[in-house]
Amino acid sequence: KYKPVALKVRPVKTTLPEEFHILRKIEGDPLAGMPEIPLDPPEFTPKGRYTQECKEIIDQNHSEDFLTATE
């Protein structure tokens, strides 16, 4: 059974009290420990669920200019 519209809970516009504010204290560089991504990815090797057939279908559906040279 659905709730009648008369019983719908509607939000009340008001300001959030200071005690519920979210304080973000980011110290240092959060990206400092991230590994570097190689600019030249390795050649495709089929493994898992992404097979050579799937790759060929995707290559067929997207033209050569789908990604720019930097992507």
C-alpha atoms as a PDB file:
ATOM      1  CA  LYS A   1       0.000   0.000   0.000  1.00  0.00           C
ATOM      2  CA  TYR A   2       1.321   3.427  -0.928  1.00  0.00           C
ATOM      3  CA  LYS A   3       1.592   6.330   1.483  1.00  0.00           C
ATOM      4  CA  PRO A   4      -1.037   9.046   0.823  1.00  0.00           C
ATOM      5  CA  VAL A   5       0.299  12.371  -0.429  1.00  0.00           C
ATOM      6  CA  ALA A   6      -1.072  14.072   2.679  1.00  0.00           C
ATOM      7  CA  LEU A   7       1.408  12.082   4.795  1.00  0.00           C
ATOM      8  CA  LYS A   8       4.406  12.883   2.603  1.00  0.00           C
ATOM      9  CA  VAL A   9       7.424  14.167   4.514  1.00  0.00           C
ATOM     10  CA  ARG A  10       8.544  17.482   3.058  1.00  0.00           C
ATOM     11  CA  PRO A  11      11.928  19.090   3.749  1.00  0.00           C
ATOM     12  CA  VAL A  12      12.017  22.325   5.717  1.00  0.00           C
ATOM     13  CA  LYS A  13      14.323  25.056   4.414  1.00  0.00           C
ATOM     14  CA  THR A  14      16.589  26.192   7.220  1.00  0.00           C
ATOM     15  CA  THR A  15      20.273  26.591   8.012  1.00  0.00           C
ATOM     16  CA  LEU A  16      22.284  23.702   9.407  1.00  0.00           C
ATOM     17  CA  PRO A  17      23.388  24.195  13.019  1.00  0.00           C
ATOM     18  CA  GLU A  18      27.130  24.677  13.545  1.00  0.00           C
ATOM     19  CA  GLU A  19      27.438  21.402  15.488  1.00  0.00           C
ATOM     20  CA  PHE A  20      26.446  19.416  12.369  1.00  0.00           C
ATOM     21  CA  HIS A  21      28.830  21.122   9.925  1.00  0.00           C
ATOM     22  CA  ILE A  22      31.378  18.843   8.275  1.00  0.00           C
ATOM     23  CA  LEU A  23      34.954  19.991   8.820  1.00  0.00           C
ATOM     24  CA  ARG A  24      37.504  18.702   6.341  1.00  0.00           C
ATOM     25  CA  LYS A  25      41.074  18.886   7.579  1.00  0.00           C
ATOM     26  CA  ILE A  26      43.244  17.726   4.683  1.00  0.00           C
ATOM     27  CA  GLU A  27      46.861  18.006   5.730  1.00  0.00           C
ATOM     28  CA  GLY A  28      49.610  17.567   3.177  1.00  0.00           C
ATOM     29  CA  ASP A  29      49.189  16.375  -0.393  1.00  0.00           C
ATOM     30  CA  PRO A  30      46.594  13.552  -0.589  1.00  0.00           C
ATOM     31  CA  LEU A  31      47.911  12.569  -4.038  1.00  0.00           C
ATOM     32  CA  ALA A  32      51.533  12.237  -2.881  1.00  0.00           C
ATOM     33  CA  GLY A  33      51.358   8.458  -2.333  1.00  0.00           C
ATOM     34  CA  MET A  34      49.535   7.677  -5.597  1.00  0.00           C
ATOM     35  CA  PRO A  35      51.435   5.520  -8.099  1.00  0.00           C
ATOM     36  CA  GLU A  36      52.369   7.005 -11.477  1.00  0.00           C
ATOM     37  CA  ILE A  37      50.274   5.873 -14.435  1.00  0.00           C
ATOM     38  CA  PRO A  38      52.317   4.990 -17.532  1.00  0.00           C
ATOM     39  CA  LEU A  39      51.679   7.260 -20.516  1.00  0.00           C
ATOM     40  CA  ASP A  40      52.136   4.410 -23.000  1.00  0.00           C
ATOM     41  CA  PRO A  41      49.821   1.552 -21.976  1.00  0.00           C
ATOM     42  CA  PRO A  42      50.864  -2.019 -22.820  1.00  0.00           C
ATOM     43  CA  GLU A  43      49.339  -3.867 -25.766  1.00  0.00           C
ATOM     44  CA  PHE A  44      45.965  -5.538 -25.165  1.00  0.00           C
ATOM     45  CA  THR A  45      46.083  -9.045 -23.753  1.00  0.00           C
ATOM     46  CA  PRO A  46      42.710 -10.781 -23.303  1.00  0.00           C
ATOM     47  CA  LYS A  47      42.018 -11.927 -19.769  1.00  0.00           C
ATOM     48  CA  GLY A  48      38.975 -12.376 -17.590  1.00  0.00           C
ATOM     49  CA  ARG A  49      35.693 -11.140 -19.028  1.00  0.00           C
ATOM     50  CA  TYR A  50      37.167  -8.631 -21.516  1.00  0.00           C
ATOM     51  CA  THR A  51      38.008 -10.933 -24.413  1.00  0.00           C
ATOM     52  CA  GLN A  52      39.419 -10.264 -27.864  1.00  0.00           C
ATOM     53  CA  GLU A  53      35.866 -10.500 -29.288  1.00  0.00           C
ATOM     54  CA  CYS A  54      34.644  -7.784 -26.899  1.00  0.00           C
ATOM     55  CA  LYS A  55      37.591  -5.576 -27.840  1.00  0.00           C
ATOM     56  CA  GLU A  56      36.856  -6.001 -31.555  1.00  0.00           C
ATOM     57  CA  ILE A  57      33.177  -5.080 -31.027  1.00  0.00           C
ATOM     58  CA  ILE A  58      34.131  -1.938 -29.109  1.00  0.00           C
ATOM     59  CA  ASP A  59      36.733  -0.999 -31.721  1.00  0.00           C
ATOM     60  CA  GLN A  60      34.099  -1.494 -34.429  1.00  0.00           C
ATOM     61  CA  ASN A  61      31.562   0.781 -32.712  1.00  0.00           C
ATOM     62  CA  HIS A  62      33.998   3.637 -32.055  1.00  0.00           C
ATOM     63  CA  SER A  63      35.854   5.470 -34.776  1.00  0.00           C
ATOM     64  CA  GLU A  64      39.586   6.183 -34.666  1.00  0.00           C
ATOM     65  CA  ASP A  65      39.002   9.781 -33.502  1.00  0.00           C
ATOM     66  CA  PHE A  66      36.908   8.680 -30.493  1.00  0.00           C
ATOM     67  CA  LEU A  67      39.790   9.535 -28.155  1.00  0.00           C
ATOM     68  CA  THR A  68      42.305  12.289 -28.672  1.00  0.00           C
ATOM     69  CA  ALA A  69      46.002  11.498 -28.939  1.00  0.00           C
ATOM     70  CA  THR A  70      46.601  12.465 -25.298  1.00  0.00           C
ATOM     71  CA  GLU A  71      43.820  10.211 -24.037  1.00  0.00           C
END
